[in-house]
Amino acid sequence: MKTRKINKALAYTVIIITISLAFYYISSSDDGESINCTSAFSIVNDGKEFAFSVTFFASDGDGLITFTGSSGNSMDNISIRKYITYVKNKNNIYIFRSSDTNIRSNATALPEKFDEILPPFFTEIRKKDRFIIKILKIKHDSWVFMSTNTPYFICENTNS
């Protein structure tokens, strides 16, 4: 009878440990993951095509986003380097906050065209702004950046 109670207690202990380890693995598997990727995409606005190259790096609450783009006109080139801090929730929602921004443009003032197609978070220099985006890992070294259910672009790390 005592052996049966010991076996039962041992079985419960093994089950509890297994469930605890599985829960720990599932809940902590993405938290330490860093994202390092590049993407190229185009946006068509009022019949004009804007071509962009994006690099994105994020790890442990800090990151860097760079946008380089043009409207096909050599006077309408733009380069944005944005250092960010972020928090990530369990639904892969990232909340970015700007920590520093560097914007360069060939024109004397930032072309208004870019304000029409890029969110103010990228074209305005204010540290209090927030940008909320969902980033889903779709395979090893590939992520899709999206809002609600609209994908913006796929970002991949092709160097690994």
Protein backbone atom coordinates (compact mmCIF):
# COMPACT_ATOMS: atom_id res chain seq x y z
CA MET A 1 0.00 0.00 0.00
CA LYS A 2 2.85 2.39 0.89
CA THR A 3 4.63 1.61 -2.38
CA ARG A 4 1.49 2.49 -4.31
CA LYS A 5 1.22 5.88 -2.54
CA ILE A 6 4.90 6.60 -3.23
CA ASN A 7 4.47 5.67 -6.92
CA LYS A 8 1.40 7.88 -7.16
CA ALA A 9 3.20 10.82 -5.51
CA LEU A 10 6.19 10.28 -7.80
CA ALA A 11 3.94 10.23 -10.87
CA TYR A 12 2.25 13.50 -9.78
CA THR A 13 5.64 15.11 -9.20
CA VAL A 14 6.88 14.11 -12.66
CA ILE A 15 3.67 15.44 -14.26
CA ILE A 16 3.92 18.76 -12.39
CA ILE A 17 7.60 19.18 -13.32
CA THR A 18 6.89 18.35 -16.97
CA ILE A 19 4.00 20.83 -17.18
CA SER A 20 6.09 23.51 -15.42
CA LEU A 21 9.02 23.04 -17.81
CA ALA A 22 6.72 23.10 -20.84
CA PHE A 23 5.02 26.29 -19.61
CA TYR A 24 8.40 27.94 -18.92
CA TYR A 25 9.70 27.01 -22.38
CA ILE A 26 6.59 28.26 -24.19
CA SER A 27 6.34 31.51 -22.24
CA SER A 28 10.03 32.44 -22.52
CA SER A 29 10.97 31.16 -25.99
CA ASP A 30 10.44 34.45 -27.92
CA ASP A 31 11.22 37.01 -25.22
CA GLY A 32 14.98 36.97 -25.70
CA GLU A 33 14.85 36.73 -29.46
CA SER A 34 16.45 39.49 -31.46
CA ILE A 35 15.34 40.54 -34.93
CA ASN A 36 17.93 41.54 -37.52
CA CYS A 37 16.63 41.88 -41.07
CA THR A 38 16.37 43.89 -44.28
CA SER A 39 13.58 44.50 -46.75
CA ALA A 40 12.96 46.30 -50.02
CA PHE A 41 9.50 47.41 -51.04
CA SER A 42 7.63 49.97 -53.12
CA ILE A 43 4.63 52.18 -52.40
CA VAL A 44 2.46 53.71 -55.12
CA ASN A 45 0.81 57.01 -54.16
CA ASP A 46 -1.01 59.28 -56.64
CA GLY A 47 0.59 57.47 -59.56
CA LYS A 48 4.15 57.92 -58.20
CA GLU A 49 6.24 54.97 -57.09
CA PHE A 50 8.42 55.29 -54.00
CA ALA A 51 11.12 52.66 -53.51
CA PHE A 52 12.43 51.91 -50.02
CA SER A 53 15.11 49.83 -48.42
CA VAL A 54 14.61 49.07 -44.73
CA THR A 55 16.94 47.60 -42.15
CA PHE A 56 15.63 46.63 -38.74
CA PHE A 57 17.41 45.48 -35.62
CA ALA A 58 15.80 44.90 -32.21
CA SER A 59 17.09 43.15 -29.13
CA ASP A 60 16.37 43.42 -25.40
CA GLY A 61 14.19 46.53 -25.64
CA ASP A 62 16.44 48.60 -27.92
CA GLY A 63 16.54 48.85 -31.68
CA LEU A 64 17.41 50.69 -34.86
CA ILE A 65 15.28 51.24 -37.97
CA THR A 66 16.65 52.76 -41.16
CA PHE A 67 14.59 53.81 -44.16
CA THR A 68 16.32 54.82 -47.37
CA GLY A 69 14.11 55.73 -50.29
CA SER A 70 13.35 57.83 -53.30
CA SER A 71 10.47 58.79 -55.55
CA GLY A 72 12.53 58.14 -58.67
CA ASN A 73 13.51 61.82 -58.75
CA SER A 74 17.08 62.45 -57.57
CA MET A 75 15.84 65.49 -55.60
CA ASP A 76 13.38 63.37 -53.61
CA ASN A 77 15.74 61.04 -51.77
CA ILE A 78 15.39 60.46 -48.05
CA SER A 79 17.35 58.63 -45.36
CA ILE A 80 15.87 58.10 -41.90
CA ARG A 81 17.78 56.52 -39.03
CA LYS A 82 15.62 56.02 -35.96
CA TYR A 83 16.89 54.60 -32.67
CA ILE A 84 14.06 53.12 -30.66
CA THR A 85 13.19 51.54 -27.38
CA TYR A 86 10.33 49.07 -27.34
CA VAL A 87 8.19 46.77 -25.29
CA LYS A 88 6.68 43.59 -26.66
CA ASN A 89 3.55 41.92 -25.39
CA LYS A 90 2.58 38.26 -25.70
CA ASN A 91 0.65 38.85 -28.96
CA ASN A 92 3.80 39.98 -30.83
CA ILE A 93 2.67 43.60 -30.61
CA TYR A 94 5.64 45.95 -30.38
CA ILE A 95 5.27 49.47 -29.03
CA PHE A 96 8.14 51.60 -30.31
CA ARG A 97 9.26 54.85 -28.73
CA SER A 98 11.82 57.08 -30.38
CA SER A 99 15.08 57.63 -28.55
CA ASP A 100 16.93 59.49 -31.34
CA THR A 101 16.29 60.32 -34.99
CA ASN A 102 18.46 61.44 -37.88
CA ILE A 103 16.68 62.46 -41.10
CA ARG A 104 18.56 63.45 -44.24
CA SER A 105 17.03 64.53 -47.52
CA ASN A 106 18.43 65.90 -50.79
CA ALA A 107 15.83 68.66 -50.68
CA THR A 108 16.29 71.62 -48.33
CA ALA A 109 13.14 70.59 -46.45
CA LEU A 110 11.75 67.10 -46.05
CA PRO A 111 9.54 66.55 -49.10
CA GLU A 112 5.87 66.54 -48.14
CA LYS A 113 5.41 63.45 -50.32
CA PHE A 114 7.18 61.33 -47.73
CA ASP A 115 4.89 62.68 -45.00
CA GLU A 116 1.94 61.33 -47.00
CA ILE A 117 3.23 57.77 -47.19
CA LEU A 118 5.26 57.27 -44.01
CA PRO A 119 3.75 57.45 -40.51
CA PRO A 120 4.61 60.63 -38.54
CA PHE A 121 6.66 58.45 -36.17
CA PHE A 122 9.33 58.24 -38.90
CA THR A 123 9.22 61.72 -40.43
CA GLU A 124 8.72 63.89 -37.34
CA ILE A 125 11.38 64.23 -34.69
CA ARG A 126 9.61 63.94 -31.34
CA LYS A 127 10.72 61.62 -28.59
CA LYS A 128 7.25 61.15 -27.12
CA ASP A 129 5.76 59.57 -30.23
CA ARG A 130 4.75 55.92 -30.22
CA PHE A 131 4.36 53.49 -33.09
CA ILE A 132 2.50 50.22 -32.60
CA ILE A 133 3.19 47.34 -34.96
CA LYS A 134 2.77 43.57 -35.00
CA ILE A 135 5.84 41.55 -35.97
CA LEU A 136 5.28 37.86 -36.64
CA LYS A 137 8.02 35.34 -37.22
CA ILE A 138 7.04 33.39 -40.33
CA LYS A 139 10.11 31.15 -40.52
CA HIS A 140 13.73 31.13 -39.40
CA ASP A 141 15.17 34.64 -40.00
CA SER A 142 11.96 35.95 -41.67
CA TRP A 143 9.33 38.26 -40.16
CA VAL A 144 6.25 40.02 -41.45
CA PHE A 145 5.61 43.56 -40.20
CA MET A 146 1.92 44.43 -40.05
CA SER A 147 -0.83 46.48 -38.50
CA THR A 148 -3.96 44.64 -37.42
CA ASN A 149 -4.44 42.40 -40.46
CA THR A 150 -2.58 44.42 -43.14
CA PRO A 151 1.01 43.34 -43.90
CA TYR A 152 3.48 46.16 -44.58
CA PHE A 153 6.48 44.11 -45.69
CA ILE A 154 8.46 40.94 -45.13
CA CYS A 155 11.86 41.42 -43.55
CA GLU A 156 14.54 38.73 -43.85
CA ASN A 157 18.04 38.08 -42.62
CA THR A 158 19.82 36.57 -45.62
CA ASN A 159 23.26 36.59 -43.98
CA SER A 160 22.78 33.58 -41.74
